[in-house]
Amino acid sequence: MTQFIWPITPVQLRCNKKWFETTDTISLQLTSQHQESFDFKPGQFISVGIEIEGKMEYRAYSISSIPNQDFLQLTIKRVDGGKVSNYLIDQLSEGDEVAVLAPTGPFNSIDCEPRKKVALLSAGCGITPVMSMAKTWIAQDIEIDITFIHMVKNKEQTIFFKELEQLHETHANFHLKLLLKDNAETTHPQGRLDQEWLHTLCPDLADRTVYLCGPNLFMQDMKTNVENLGLDMAHFFQESFTPIEAEVSNTEDPSGVVQFEVPAFGVSKEIAKGSTLADVLEESGVPIIIACRSGMCGSCKCKVDKGEVSRTSIETLSEEDIAQGYTLACSSQVQSDVEVSLV
């Protein structure tokens, strides 16, 4: 089987299969025209684009399959008011095509190197990237002891419930620690994941590499808990699906008008100081992809050639990028007259 070569620009992939994991979560498989295999680092995500009401909308979704298969599997949970997630759940059909950007993301089991023992810690749809990691280690027969700790409301809302139990039953190195707020019709414990429960479920957590993914408040709590339990934080890695709060000086005056220019696209206009760079670029018709609006995916990277912006995320930028003036449009606010160019 030949390997799919990812282009820099979006590529069309076909939805080959689609099914419900829970009442509000689907999985779908995307394939290429020639059925090539897809390579990526387990834990990474892709950005999916759909045309909705005449506009291409991109959102980032973690890959839930393993590398070197002839499909990419995404697992997508419904979001209240979510344009793309709700479209994919309600309207995308098998046989339809979507635009896709190449896999990316620093949260993965290659760059975040594991020790011989790991703890995968997740809640809700945060299970997706760590499931890819676990299945890859097992498929590749890598000698890693996996404790899989997942917090969710009940059995019905547990994504991959049957698959998790099967992995636990058939692989001696996979230890499922499912904690449910309501454990009706299961043999799994009931409770809310706190430091005490974390120690109970994984007494040797300090000896493991910890990978964390889930809602923002959950991750904040769990990071504190694992640190309190003695983990060397050099062996701690987490994904982020939510924006970092902006730190704005109290002396900064957000009012006023500034000049905004993108010479390569003939854009020169006045805008309100404090405007989000992504919004202004989109409104000006500049062809930039905004996939997440939280600084997570890096698809909206651009360069500020003149002027000043404030940033609320540098998630995917290197120190060299920042020094050269690159920024993430989705999480940057214009603070002066600026001139911008695309990467």
C-alpha atoms as a PDB file:
ATOM      1  CA  MET A   1       0.000   0.000   0.000  1.00  0.00           C
ATOM      2  CA  THR A   2       1.392   3.390  -0.978  1.00  0.00           C
ATOM      3  CA  GLN A   3       1.529   6.207   1.547  1.00  0.00           C
ATOM      4  CA  PHE A   4      -0.516   9.370   1.174  1.00  0.00           C
ATOM      5  CA  ILE A   5       1.640  12.472   0.629  1.00  0.00           C
ATOM      6  CA  TRP A   6       0.179  15.485   2.395  1.00  0.00           C
ATOM      7  CA  PRO A   7       0.179  18.699   0.354  1.00  0.00           C
ATOM      8  CA  ILE A   8       0.590  22.120   1.968  1.00  0.00           C
ATOM      9  CA  THR A   9      -2.861  23.187   0.796  1.00  0.00           C
ATOM     10  CA  PRO A  10      -6.175  21.532   1.818  1.00  0.00           C
ATOM     11  CA  VAL A  11      -6.943  18.191   0.164  1.00  0.00           C
ATOM     12  CA  GLN A  12     -10.308  16.538  -0.459  1.00  0.00           C
ATOM     13  CA  LEU A  13     -10.931  13.265   1.401  1.00  0.00           C
ATOM     14  CA  ARG A  14     -14.035  11.082   1.173  1.00  0.00           C
ATOM     15  CA  CYS A  15     -16.204  10.017   4.095  1.00  0.00           C
ATOM     16  CA  ASN A  16     -16.138   6.242   3.698  1.00  0.00           C
ATOM     17  CA  LYS A  17     -17.974   5.280   6.919  1.00  0.00           C
ATOM     18  CA  LYS A  18     -19.910   7.106   9.615  1.00  0.00           C
ATOM     19  CA  TRP A  19     -21.528   5.831  12.822  1.00  0.00           C
ATOM     20  CA  PHE A  20     -22.648   6.987  16.276  1.00  0.00           C
ATOM     21  CA  GLU A  21     -20.426   6.222  19.270  1.00  0.00           C
ATOM     22  CA  THR A  22     -22.950   7.816  21.681  1.00  0.00           C
ATOM     23  CA  THR A  23     -26.138   9.823  21.156  1.00  0.00           C
ATOM     24  CA  ASP A  24     -24.108  13.017  20.633  1.00  0.00           C
ATOM     25  CA  THR A  25     -20.820  11.685  19.244  1.00  0.00           C
ATOM     26  CA  ILE A  26     -19.939  10.202  15.869  1.00  0.00           C
ATOM     27  CA  SER A  27     -16.914   8.540  14.373  1.00  0.00           C
ATOM     28  CA  LEU A  28     -16.199   8.800  10.681  1.00  0.00           C
ATOM     29  CA  GLN A  29     -13.523   7.390   8.429  1.00  0.00           C
ATOM     30  CA  LEU A  30     -11.901   9.473   5.695  1.00  0.00           C
ATOM     31  CA  THR A  31     -10.161   7.893   2.713  1.00  0.00           C
ATOM     32  CA  SER A  32      -8.123   9.166  -0.226  1.00  0.00           C
ATOM     33  CA  GLN A  33      -8.972   8.667  -3.876  1.00  0.00           C
ATOM     34  CA  HIS A  34      -6.381   5.904  -4.273  1.00  0.00           C
ATOM     35  CA  GLN A  35      -6.794   4.252  -0.843  1.00  0.00           C
ATOM     36  CA  GLU A  36      -3.288   5.186   0.366  1.00  0.00           C
ATOM     37  CA  SER A  37      -2.202   4.772   3.985  1.00  0.00           C
ATOM     38  CA  PHE A  38      -1.984   7.801   6.283  1.00  0.00           C
ATOM     39  CA  ASP A  39       1.010   8.569   8.468  1.00  0.00           C
ATOM     40  CA  PHE A  40       0.805  10.831  11.522  1.00  0.00           C
ATOM     41  CA  LYS A  41       1.968  10.970  15.128  1.00  0.00           C
ATOM     42  CA  PRO A  42      -0.595   9.395  17.509  1.00  0.00           C
ATOM     43  CA  GLY A  43      -2.292  12.196  19.436  1.00  0.00           C
ATOM     44  CA  GLN A  44      -2.219  14.693  16.575  1.00  0.00           C
ATOM     45  CA  PHE A  45      -5.234  16.321  14.944  1.00  0.00           C
ATOM     46  CA  ILE A  46      -6.361  17.416  11.504  1.00  0.00           C
ATOM     47  CA  SER A  47      -8.379  20.459  10.477  1.00  0.00           C
ATOM     48  CA  VAL A  48     -11.571  19.718   8.549  1.00  0.00           C
ATOM     49  CA  GLY A  49     -13.193  22.272   6.264  1.00  0.00           C
ATOM     50  CA  ILE A  50     -16.839  22.393   5.221  1.00  0.00           C
ATOM     51  CA  GLU A  51     -18.598  25.030   3.122  1.00  0.00           C
ATOM     52  CA  ILE A  52     -21.507  26.357   5.178  1.00  0.00           C
ATOM     53  CA  GLU A  53     -23.694  29.210   3.909  1.00  0.00           C
ATOM     54  CA  GLY A  54     -21.158  30.045   1.227  1.00  0.00           C
ATOM     55  CA  LYS A  55     -18.144  30.183   3.567  1.00  0.00           C
ATOM     56  CA  MET A  56     -15.437  27.595   4.256  1.00  0.00           C
ATOM     57  CA  GLU A  57     -15.422  26.796   7.960  1.00  0.00           C
ATOM     58  CA  TYR A  58     -12.461  24.861   9.434  1.00  0.00           C
ATOM     59  CA  ARG A  59     -12.305  23.102  12.801  1.00  0.00           C
ATOM     60  CA  ALA A  60      -9.618  20.903  14.364  1.00  0.00           C
ATOM     61  CA  TYR A  61     -10.392  17.299  15.418  1.00  0.00           C
ATOM     62  CA  SER A  62      -8.076  14.715  16.978  1.00  0.00           C
ATOM     63  CA  ILE A  63      -7.403  11.521  15.055  1.00  0.00           C
ATOM     64  CA  SER A  64      -8.745   8.441  16.857  1.00  0.00           C
ATOM     65  CA  SER A  65      -7.265   5.791  14.534  1.00  0.00           C
ATOM     66  CA  ILE A  66      -3.685   4.548  14.342  1.00  0.00           C
ATOM     67  CA  PRO A  67      -1.028   5.379  11.718  1.00  0.00           C
ATOM     68  CA  ASN A  68      -0.451   3.518   8.450  1.00  0.00           C
ATOM     69  CA  GLN A  69      -4.048   2.490   7.816  1.00  0.00           C
ATOM     70  CA  ASP A  70      -5.947   3.299   4.605  1.00  0.00           C
ATOM     71  CA  PHE A  71      -8.263   5.649   6.489  1.00  0.00           C
ATOM     72  CA  LEU A  72      -8.219   8.440   9.053  1.00  0.00           C
ATOM     73  CA  GLN A  73     -10.792   8.095  11.817  1.00  0.00           C
ATOM     74  CA  LEU A  74     -12.159  11.177  13.564  1.00  0.00           C
ATOM     75  CA  THR A  75     -14.439  11.097  16.595  1.00  0.00           C
ATOM     76  CA  ILE A  76     -16.544  14.233  16.939  1.00  0.00           C
ATOM     77  CA  LYS A  77     -18.810  15.326  19.782  1.00  0.00           C
ATOM     78  CA  ARG A  78     -21.727  17.697  19.267  1.00  0.00           C
ATOM     79  CA  VAL A  79     -21.049  21.258  20.433  1.00  0.00           C
ATOM     80  CA  ASP A  80     -23.882  23.630  21.295  1.00  0.00           C
ATOM     81  CA  GLY A  81     -24.001  26.100  18.408  1.00  0.00           C
ATOM     82  CA  GLY A  82     -21.047  24.399  16.710  1.00  0.00           C
ATOM     83  CA  LYS A  83     -21.305  25.008  12.971  1.00  0.00           C
ATOM     84  CA  VAL A  84     -18.925  22.324  11.782  1.00  0.00           C
ATOM     85  CA  SER A  85     -19.406  19.626  14.422  1.00  0.00           C
ATOM     86  CA  ASN A  86     -23.185  19.802  14.084  1.00  0.00           C
ATOM     87  CA  TYR A  87     -22.968  19.773  10.282  1.00  0.00           C
ATOM     88  CA  LEU A  88     -20.740  16.693  10.343  1.00  0.00           C
ATOM     89  CA  ILE A  89     -23.077  14.915  12.766  1.00  0.00           C
ATOM     90  CA  ASP A  90     -26.386  15.895  11.185  1.00  0.00           C
ATOM     91  CA  GLN A  91     -25.707  16.369   7.474  1.00  0.00           C
ATOM     92  CA  LEU A  92     -22.490  14.711   6.308  1.00  0.00           C
ATOM     93  CA  SER A  93     -23.238  11.452   4.504  1.00  0.00           C
ATOM     94  CA  GLU A  94     -21.083   8.519   3.507  1.00  0.00           C
ATOM     95  CA  GLY A  95     -19.659   9.359   0.098  1.00  0.00           C
ATOM     96  CA  ASP A  96     -19.393  13.098   0.769  1.00  0.00           C
ATOM     97  CA  GLU A  97     -16.035  14.864   0.602  1.00  0.00           C
ATOM     98  CA  VAL A  98     -14.463  17.320   3.059  1.00  0.00           C
ATOM     99  CA  ALA A  99     -11.385  19.544   2.872  1.00  0.00           C
ATOM    100  CA  VAL A 100      -8.566  18.427   5.175  1.00  0.00           C
ATOM    101  CA  LEU A 101      -5.255  19.935   6.297  1.00  0.00           C
ATOM    102  CA  ALA A 102      -2.242  17.775   7.169  1.00  0.00           C
ATOM    103  CA  PRO A 103      -1.975  16.280  10.689  1.00  0.00           C
ATOM    104  CA  THR A 104      -0.230  18.478  13.219  1.00  0.00           C
ATOM    105  CA  GLY A 105       0.081  19.137  16.940  1.00  0.00           C
ATOM    106  CA  PRO A 106       2.884  18.864  19.538  1.00  0.00           C
ATOM    107  CA  PHE A 107       0.793  16.606  21.836  1.00  0.00           C
ATOM    108  CA  ASN A 108       1.720  13.167  20.547  1.00  0.00           C
ATOM    109  CA  SER A 109       3.392   9.956  21.635  1.00  0.00           C
ATOM    110  CA  ILE A 110       6.475  10.532  19.467  1.00  0.00           C
ATOM    111  CA  ASP A 111       7.579  14.029  20.470  1.00  0.00           C
ATOM    112  CA  CYS A 112       6.271  13.486  24.024  1.00  0.00           C
ATOM    113  CA  GLU A 113       8.387  10.394  24.592  1.00  0.00           C
ATOM    114  CA  PRO A 114       6.946   7.779  27.002  1.00  0.00           C
ATOM    115  CA  ARG A 115       8.645   5.892  29.793  1.00  0.00           C
ATOM    116  CA  LYS A 116       8.078   2.149  30.170  1.00  0.00           C
ATOM    117  CA  LYS A 117       4.875   2.936  32.072  1.00  0.00           C
ATOM    118  CA  VAL A 118       2.300   5.579  31.116  1.00  0.00           C
ATOM    119  CA  ALA A 119      -0.953   6.979  32.475  1.00  0.00           C
ATOM    120  CA  LEU A 120      -3.463   8.268  29.925  1.00  0.00           C
ATOM    121  CA  LEU A 121      -5.785  10.654  31.727  1.00  0.00           C
ATOM    122  CA  SER A 122      -8.896  12.001  30.009  1.00  0.00           C
ATOM    123  CA  ALA A 123     -12.488  13.158  30.380  1.00  0.00           C
ATOM    124  CA  GLY A 124     -15.342  13.440  27.873  1.00  0.00           C
ATOM    125  CA  CYS A 125     -14.202  13.787  24.257  1.00  0.00           C
ATOM    126  CA  GLY A 126     -10.632  14.263  25.488  1.00  0.00           C
ATOM    127  CA  ILE A 127     -10.420  10.496  25.160  1.00  0.00           C
ATOM    128  CA  THR A 128      -9.824  10.767  21.397  1.00  0.00           C
ATOM    129  CA  PRO A 129      -6.071  11.521  21.123  1.00  0.00           C
ATOM    130  CA  VAL A 130      -5.038   9.280  24.029  1.00  0.00           C
ATOM    131  CA  MET A 131      -7.053   6.407  22.545  1.00  0.00           C
ATOM    132  CA  SER A 132      -4.979   6.741  19.377  1.00  0.00           C
ATOM    133  CA  MET A 133      -1.806   6.593  21.463  1.00  0.00           C
ATOM    134  CA  ALA A 134      -2.886   3.485  23.382  1.00  0.00           C
ATOM    135  CA  LYS A 135      -4.057   1.580  20.290  1.00  0.00           C
ATOM    136  CA  THR A 136      -0.828   2.424  18.458  1.00  0.00           C
ATOM    137  CA  TRP A 137       1.420   1.150  21.249  1.00  0.00           C
ATOM    138  CA  ILE A 138      -0.624  -2.066  21.365  1.00  0.00           C
ATOM    139  CA  ALA A 139      -0.715  -2.519  17.571  1.00  0.00           C
ATOM    140  CA  GLN A 140       3.035  -1.990  17.313  1.00  0.00           C
ATOM    141  CA  ASP A 141       3.618  -4.401  20.206  1.00  0.00           C
ATOM    142  CA  ILE A 142       5.636  -1.803  22.116  1.00  0.00           C
ATOM    143  CA  GLU A 143       6.366  -2.909  25.688  1.00  0.00           C
ATOM    144  CA  ILE A 144       4.593  -0.117  27.549  1.00  0.00           C
ATOM    145  CA  ASP A 145       2.398  -0.611  30.595  1.00  0.00           C
ATOM    146  CA  ILE A 146      -0.746   1.495  30.013  1.00  0.00           C
ATOM    147  CA  THR A 147      -3.078   2.710  32.746  1.00  0.00           C
ATOM    148  CA  PHE A 148      -6.054   4.304  30.990  1.00  0.00           C
ATOM    149  CA  ILE A 149      -7.955   6.614  33.368  1.00  0.00           C
ATOM    150  CA  HIS A 150     -11.139   8.115  31.971  1.00  0.00           C
ATOM    151  CA  MET A 151     -13.818  10.209  33.706  1.00  0.00           C
ATOM    152  CA  VAL A 152     -17.319  10.481  32.237  1.00  0.00           C
ATOM    153  CA  LYS A 153     -20.946  10.820  33.307  1.00  0.00           C
ATOM    154  CA  ASN A 154     -22.251   7.302  32.633  1.00  0.00           C
ATOM    155  CA  LYS A 155     -21.927   4.230  30.432  1.00  0.00           C
ATOM    156  CA  GLU A 156     -24.172   5.648  27.687  1.00  0.00           C
ATOM    157  CA  GLN A 157     -21.948   8.722  27.293  1.00  0.00           C
ATOM    158  CA  THR A 158     -18.658   6.814  27.343  1.00  0.00           C
ATOM    159  CA  ILE A 159     -17.049   7.057  23.917  1.00  0.00           C
ATOM    160  CA  PHE A 160     -15.440   3.726  22.866  1.00  0.00           C
ATOM    161  CA  PHE A 161     -17.017   1.903  25.862  1.00  0.00           C
ATOM    162  CA  LYS A 162     -17.007  -1.592  24.295  1.00  0.00           C
ATOM    163  CA  GLU A 163     -13.612  -1.106  22.680  1.00  0.00           C
ATOM    164  CA  LEU A 164     -12.075  -0.012  25.998  1.00  0.00           C
ATOM    165  CA  GLU A 165     -13.416  -3.060  27.800  1.00  0.00           C
ATOM    166  CA  GLN A 166     -12.188  -5.322  25.013  1.00  0.00           C
ATOM    167  CA  LEU A 167      -8.683  -3.845  25.183  1.00  0.00           C
ATOM    168  CA  HIS A 168      -8.694  -4.412  28.946  1.00  0.00           C
ATOM    169  CA  GLU A 169      -9.750  -8.041  28.537  1.00  0.00           C
ATOM    170  CA  THR A 170      -7.392  -8.983  25.702  1.00  0.00           C
ATOM    171  CA  HIS A 171      -4.165  -7.086  26.478  1.00  0.00           C
ATOM    172  CA  ALA A 172      -2.311  -7.659  29.744  1.00  0.00           C
ATOM    173  CA  ASN A 173      -0.537  -4.298  29.515  1.00  0.00           C
ATOM    174  CA  PHE A 174      -3.774  -2.265  29.154  1.00  0.00           C
ATOM    175  CA  HIS A 175      -5.457  -1.427  32.465  1.00  0.00           C
ATOM    176  CA  LEU A 176      -8.820   0.344  32.137  1.00  0.00           C
ATOM    177  CA  LYS A 177      -9.692   2.629  35.058  1.00  0.00           C
ATOM    178  CA  LEU A 178     -13.097   4.015  34.083  1.00  0.00           C
ATOM    179  CA  LEU A 179     -14.671   6.278  36.714  1.00  0.00           C
ATOM    180  CA  LEU A 180     -18.369   7.113  36.241  1.00  0.00           C
ATOM    181  CA  LYS A 181     -20.515   9.685  37.983  1.00  0.00           C
ATOM    182  CA  ASP A 182     -23.333   7.141  37.575  1.00  0.00           C
ATOM    183  CA  ASN A 183     -22.102   3.540  37.279  1.00  0.00           C
ATOM    184  CA  ALA A 184     -25.506   1.903  36.702  1.00  0.00           C
ATOM    185  CA  GLU A 185     -25.320  -1.323  34.640  1.00  0.00           C
ATOM    186  CA  THR A 186     -21.508  -1.511  34.900  1.00  0.00           C
ATOM    187  CA  THR A 187     -18.881  -2.965  37.211  1.00  0.00           C
ATOM    188  CA  HIS A 188     -16.835   0.249  37.105  1.00  0.00           C
ATOM    189  CA  PRO A 189     -16.486   2.461  40.202  1.00  0.00           C
ATOM    190  CA  GLN A 190     -18.616   5.534  40.796  1.00  0.00           C
ATOM    191  CA  GLY A 191     -17.228   8.902  41.830  1.00  0.00           C
ATOM    192  CA  ARG A 192     -15.676  12.181  40.731  1.00  0.00           C
ATOM    193  CA  LEU A 193     -12.024  12.204  39.818  1.00  0.00           C
ATOM    194  CA  ASP A 194      -9.988  14.035  42.447  1.00  0.00           C
ATOM    195  CA  GLN A 195      -6.525  13.557  43.914  1.00  0.00           C
ATOM    196  CA  GLU A 196      -7.627  10.722  46.184  1.00  0.00           C
ATOM    197  CA  TRP A 197      -9.337   8.850  43.351  1.00  0.00           C
ATOM    198  CA  LEU A 198      -6.348   9.442  41.093  1.00  0.00           C
ATOM    199  CA  HIS A 199      -4.050   7.812  43.663  1.00  0.00           C
ATOM    200  CA  THR A 200      -6.504   4.937  44.147  1.00  0.00           C
ATOM    201  CA  LEU A 201      -6.763   4.256  40.412  1.00  0.00           C
ATOM    202  CA  CYS A 202      -3.017   4.635  39.754  1.00  0.00           C
ATOM    203  CA  PRO A 203      -0.890   4.273  42.919  1.00  0.00           C
ATOM    204  CA  ASP A 204       2.379   4.380  40.957  1.00  0.00           C
ATOM    205  CA  LEU A 205       1.470   7.449  38.903  1.00  0.00           C
ATOM    206  CA  ALA A 206       4.728   9.204  39.886  1.00  0.00           C
ATOM    207  CA  ASP A 207       6.649   6.479  38.039  1.00  0.00           C
ATOM    208  CA  ARG A 208       4.763   6.991  34.773  1.00  0.00           C
ATOM    209  CA  THR A 209       4.629   9.426  31.876  1.00  0.00           C
ATOM    210  CA  VAL A 210       1.270  11.208  32.081  1.00  0.00           C
ATOM    211  CA  TYR A 211      -0.713  12.334  29.036  1.00  0.00           C
ATOM    212  CA  LEU A 212      -3.720  14.536  29.828  1.00  0.00           C
ATOM    213  CA  CYS A 213      -6.621  15.693  27.662  1.00  0.00           C
ATOM    214  CA  GLY A 214     -10.096  16.990  28.468  1.00  0.00           C
ATOM    215  CA  PRO A 215     -12.078  20.111  29.360  1.00  0.00           C
ATOM    216  CA  ASN A 216     -10.030  23.069  30.558  1.00  0.00           C
ATOM    217  CA  LEU A 217     -11.063  23.028  34.235  1.00  0.00           C
ATOM    218  CA  PHE A 218     -10.587  19.256  34.390  1.00  0.00           C
ATOM    219  CA  MET A 219      -7.059  19.619  33.043  1.00  0.00           C
ATOM    220  CA  GLN A 220      -6.220  22.397  35.485  1.00  0.00           C
ATOM    221  CA  ASP A 221      -7.339  20.234  38.402  1.00  0.00           C
ATOM    222  CA  MET A 222      -5.595  17.105  37.144  1.00  0.00           C
ATOM    223  CA  LYS A 223      -2.317  18.912  36.516  1.00  0.00           C
ATOM    224  CA  THR A 224      -2.325  20.090  40.140  1.00  0.00           C
ATOM    225  CA  ASN A 225      -3.251  16.603  41.343  1.00  0.00           C
ATOM    226  CA  VAL A 226      -0.504  14.771  39.459  1.00  0.00           C
ATOM    227  CA  GLU A 227       2.055  17.300  40.656  1.00  0.00           C
ATOM    228  CA  ASN A 228       0.876  16.839  44.246  1.00  0.00           C
ATOM    229  CA  LEU A 229       1.232  13.070  43.824  1.00  0.00           C
ATOM    230  CA  GLY A 230       4.934  13.499  43.129  1.00  0.00           C
ATOM    231  CA  LEU A 231       5.206  13.300  39.341  1.00  0.00           C
ATOM    232  CA  ASP A 232       8.327  14.813  37.805  1.00  0.00           C
ATOM    233  CA  MET A 233       6.574  17.295  35.495  1.00  0.00           C
ATOM    234  CA  ALA A 234       9.191  16.699  32.807  1.00  0.00           C
ATOM    235  CA  HIS A 235       7.119  13.549  32.190  1.00  0.00           C
ATOM    236  CA  PHE A 236       3.779  15.400  31.989  1.00  0.00           C
ATOM    237  CA  PHE A 237       2.133  16.358  28.693  1.00  0.00           C
ATOM    238  CA  GLN A 238      -1.285  17.825  27.943  1.00  0.00           C
ATOM    239  CA  GLU A 239      -3.446  18.803  25.008  1.00  0.00           C
ATOM    240  CA  SER A 240      -5.371  22.068  24.982  1.00  0.00           C
ATOM    241  CA  PHE A 241      -8.763  22.563  23.350  1.00  0.00           C
ATOM    242  CA  THR A 242      -9.587  25.939  24.905  1.00  0.00           C
ATOM    243  CA  PRO A 243      -8.169  29.459  24.513  1.00  0.00           C
ATOM    244  CA  ILE A 244      -5.711  30.867  27.020  1.00  0.00           C
ATOM    245  CA  GLU A 245      -7.184  33.887  28.792  1.00  0.00           C
ATOM    246  CA  ALA A 246      -5.780  37.182  27.607  1.00  0.00           C
ATOM    247  CA  GLU A 247      -3.632  39.140  30.013  1.00  0.00           C
ATOM    248  CA  VAL A 248      -4.418  42.767  29.198  1.00  0.00           C
ATOM    249  CA  SER A 249      -2.741  45.630  31.045  1.00  0.00           C
ATOM    250  CA  ASN A 250      -5.115  47.866  32.977  1.00  0.00           C
ATOM    251  CA  THR A 251      -3.363  50.887  31.482  1.00  0.00           C
ATOM    252  CA  GLU A 252      -4.039  49.819  27.918  1.00  0.00           C
ATOM    253  CA  ASP A 253      -6.737  51.814  26.138  1.00  0.00           C
ATOM    254  CA  PRO A 254      -8.652  49.464  23.815  1.00  0.00           C
ATOM    255  CA  SER A 255     -10.542  52.299  22.140  1.00  0.00           C
ATOM    256  CA  GLY A 256      -9.522  54.077  18.964  1.00  0.00           C
ATOM    257  CA  VAL A 257      -8.961  53.411  15.287  1.00  0.00           C
ATOM    258  CA  VAL A 258      -5.820  51.978  13.662  1.00  0.00           C
ATOM    259  CA  GLN A 259      -4.704  51.359  10.091  1.00  0.00           C
ATOM    260  CA  PHE A 260      -4.704  47.757   8.823  1.00  0.00           C
ATOM    261  CA  GLU A 261      -2.822  46.718   5.681  1.00  0.00           C
ATOM    262  CA  VAL A 262      -2.138  43.480   3.794  1.00  0.00           C
ATOM    263  CA  PRO A 263      -0.251  44.779   0.733  1.00  0.00           C
ATOM    264  CA  ALA A 264      -0.124  41.444  -1.110  1.00  0.00           C
ATOM    265  CA  PHE A 265      -3.934  41.410  -1.263  1.00  0.00           C
ATOM    266  CA  GLY A 266      -4.515  45.122  -1.736  1.00  0.00           C
ATOM    267  CA  VAL A 267      -6.075  45.583   1.705  1.00  0.00           C
ATOM    268  CA  SER A 268      -5.807  48.995   3.364  1.00  0.00           C
ATOM    269  CA  LYS A 269      -8.499  50.042   5.810  1.00  0.00           C
ATOM    270  CA  GLU A 270      -9.237  51.505   9.225  1.00  0.00           C
ATOM    271  CA  ILE A 271     -10.267  49.091  11.983  1.00  0.00           C
ATOM    272  CA  ALA A 272     -11.065  49.310  15.670  1.00  0.00           C
ATOM    273  CA  LYS A 273      -8.054  48.933  17.935  1.00  0.00           C
ATOM    274  CA  GLY A 274      -8.253  45.591  19.774  1.00  0.00           C
ATOM    275  CA  SER A 275      -9.904  43.788  16.845  1.00  0.00           C
ATOM    276  CA  THR A 276      -9.011  40.104  16.514  1.00  0.00           C
ATOM    277  CA  LEU A 277      -6.606  39.700  13.626  1.00  0.00           C
ATOM    278  CA  ALA A 278      -8.402  36.631  12.253  1.00  0.00           C
ATOM    279  CA  ASP A 279     -11.740  38.445  12.078  1.00  0.00           C
ATOM    280  CA  VAL A 280     -10.237  41.380  10.193  1.00  0.00           C
ATOM    281  CA  LEU A 281      -8.422  39.125   7.726  1.00  0.00           C
ATOM    282  CA  GLU A 282     -11.600  37.149   7.005  1.00  0.00           C
ATOM    283  CA  GLU A 283     -13.729  40.286   6.670  1.00  0.00           C
ATOM    284  CA  SER A 284     -11.142  41.690   4.232  1.00  0.00           C
ATOM    285  CA  GLY A 285     -11.336  38.623   2.002  1.00  0.00           C
ATOM    286  CA  VAL A 286      -7.770  37.464   2.701  1.00  0.00           C
ATOM    287  CA  PRO A 287      -7.598  33.659   2.097  1.00  0.00           C
ATOM    288  CA  ILE A 288      -6.456  32.479   5.514  1.00  0.00           C
ATOM    289  CA  ILE A 289      -7.606  29.254   7.199  1.00  0.00           C
ATOM    290  CA  ILE A 290      -8.960  29.661  10.731  1.00  0.00           C
ATOM    291  CA  ALA A 291      -9.403  26.116  12.041  1.00  0.00           C
ATOM    292  CA  CYS A 292      -9.743  26.408  15.806  1.00  0.00           C
ATOM    293  CA  ARG A 293      -9.831  30.023  17.104  1.00  0.00           C
ATOM    294  CA  SER A 294      -7.867  28.999  20.184  1.00  0.00           C
ATOM    295  CA  GLY A 295      -4.238  29.010  19.024  1.00  0.00           C
ATOM    296  CA  MET A 296      -4.160  25.233  19.024  1.00  0.00           C
ATOM    297  CA  CYS A 297      -3.620  24.205  15.409  1.00  0.00           C
ATOM    298  CA  GLY A 298      -1.442  26.911  13.859  1.00  0.00           C
ATOM    299  CA  SER A 299      -3.287  26.994  10.531  1.00  0.00           C
ATOM    300  CA  CYS A 300      -3.756  30.773  10.799  1.00  0.00           C
ATOM    301  CA  LYS A 301      -0.075  31.594  11.285  1.00  0.00           C
ATOM    302  CA  CYS A 302       0.839  34.904   9.647  1.00  0.00           C
ATOM    303  CA  LYS A 303       3.530  37.560   9.973  1.00  0.00           C
ATOM    304  CA  VAL A 304       3.212  41.041  11.422  1.00  0.00           C
ATOM    305  CA  ASP A 305       5.689  43.031   9.322  1.00  0.00           C
ATOM    306  CA  LYS A 306       4.956  46.364  11.001  1.00  0.00           C
ATOM    307  CA  GLY A 307       3.079  47.339  14.145  1.00  0.00           C
ATOM    308  CA  GLU A 308       1.996  45.552  17.290  1.00  0.00           C
ATOM    309  CA  VAL A 309      -0.465  42.824  18.243  1.00  0.00           C
ATOM    310  CA  SER A 310      -1.155  41.258  21.634  1.00  0.00           C
ATOM    311  CA  ARG A 311      -1.296  37.465  21.833  1.00  0.00           C
ATOM    312  CA  THR A 312      -3.465  35.182  23.965  1.00  0.00           C
ATOM    313  CA  SER A 313      -1.770  32.015  22.677  1.00  0.00           C
ATOM    314  CA  ILE A 314       1.595  31.013  21.220  1.00  0.00           C
ATOM    315  CA  GLU A 315       0.660  27.305  21.307  1.00  0.00           C
ATOM    316  CA  THR A 316       2.282  26.253  18.009  1.00  0.00           C
ATOM    317  CA  LEU A 317       4.879  29.011  17.572  1.00  0.00           C
ATOM    318  CA  SER A 318       8.595  28.454  18.085  1.00  0.00           C
ATOM    319  CA  GLU A 319      10.861  31.033  19.720  1.00  0.00           C
ATOM    320  CA  GLU A 320      12.290  31.720  16.277  1.00  0.00           C
ATOM    321  CA  ASP A 321       8.781  32.273  14.861  1.00  0.00           C
ATOM    322  CA  ILE A 322       7.997  34.821  17.559  1.00  0.00           C
ATOM    323  CA  ALA A 323      11.324  36.609  17.089  1.00  0.00           C
ATOM    324  CA  GLN A 324      10.613  36.921  13.359  1.00  0.00           C
ATOM    325  CA  GLY A 325       7.186  38.463  13.974  1.00  0.00           C
ATOM    326  CA  TYR A 326       4.917  35.488  13.324  1.00  0.00           C
ATOM    327  CA  THR A 327       1.658  35.261  15.219  1.00  0.00           C
ATOM    328  CA  LEU A 328      -1.572  33.244  15.326  1.00  0.00           C
ATOM    329  CA  ALA A 329      -4.343  35.358  13.816  1.00  0.00           C
ATOM    330  CA  CYS A 330      -7.114  33.603  15.758  1.00  0.00           C
ATOM    331  CA  SER A 331      -5.668  34.664  19.114  1.00  0.00           C
ATOM    332  CA  SER A 332      -4.036  38.023  18.323  1.00  0.00           C
ATOM    333  CA  GLN A 333      -5.519  41.469  18.839  1.00  0.00           C
ATOM    334  CA  VAL A 334      -4.408  44.504  16.822  1.00  0.00           C
ATOM    335  CA  GLN A 335      -2.941  47.222  19.085  1.00  0.00           C
ATOM    336  CA  SER A 336      -1.507  49.716  16.574  1.00  0.00           C
ATOM    337  CA  ASP A 337      -1.246  50.437  12.858  1.00  0.00           C
ATOM    338  CA  VAL A 338      -0.172  47.110  11.369  1.00  0.00           C
ATOM    339  CA  GLU A 339       1.013  45.558   8.137  1.00  0.00           C
ATOM    340  CA  VAL A 340       0.512  41.811   7.755  1.00  0.00           C
ATOM    341  CA  SER A 341       1.633  39.125   5.317  1.00  0.00           C
ATOM    342  CA  LEU A 342       0.673  35.465   5.011  1.00  0.00           C
ATOM    343  CA  VAL A 343       3.186  32.673   5.568  1.00  0.00           C
END
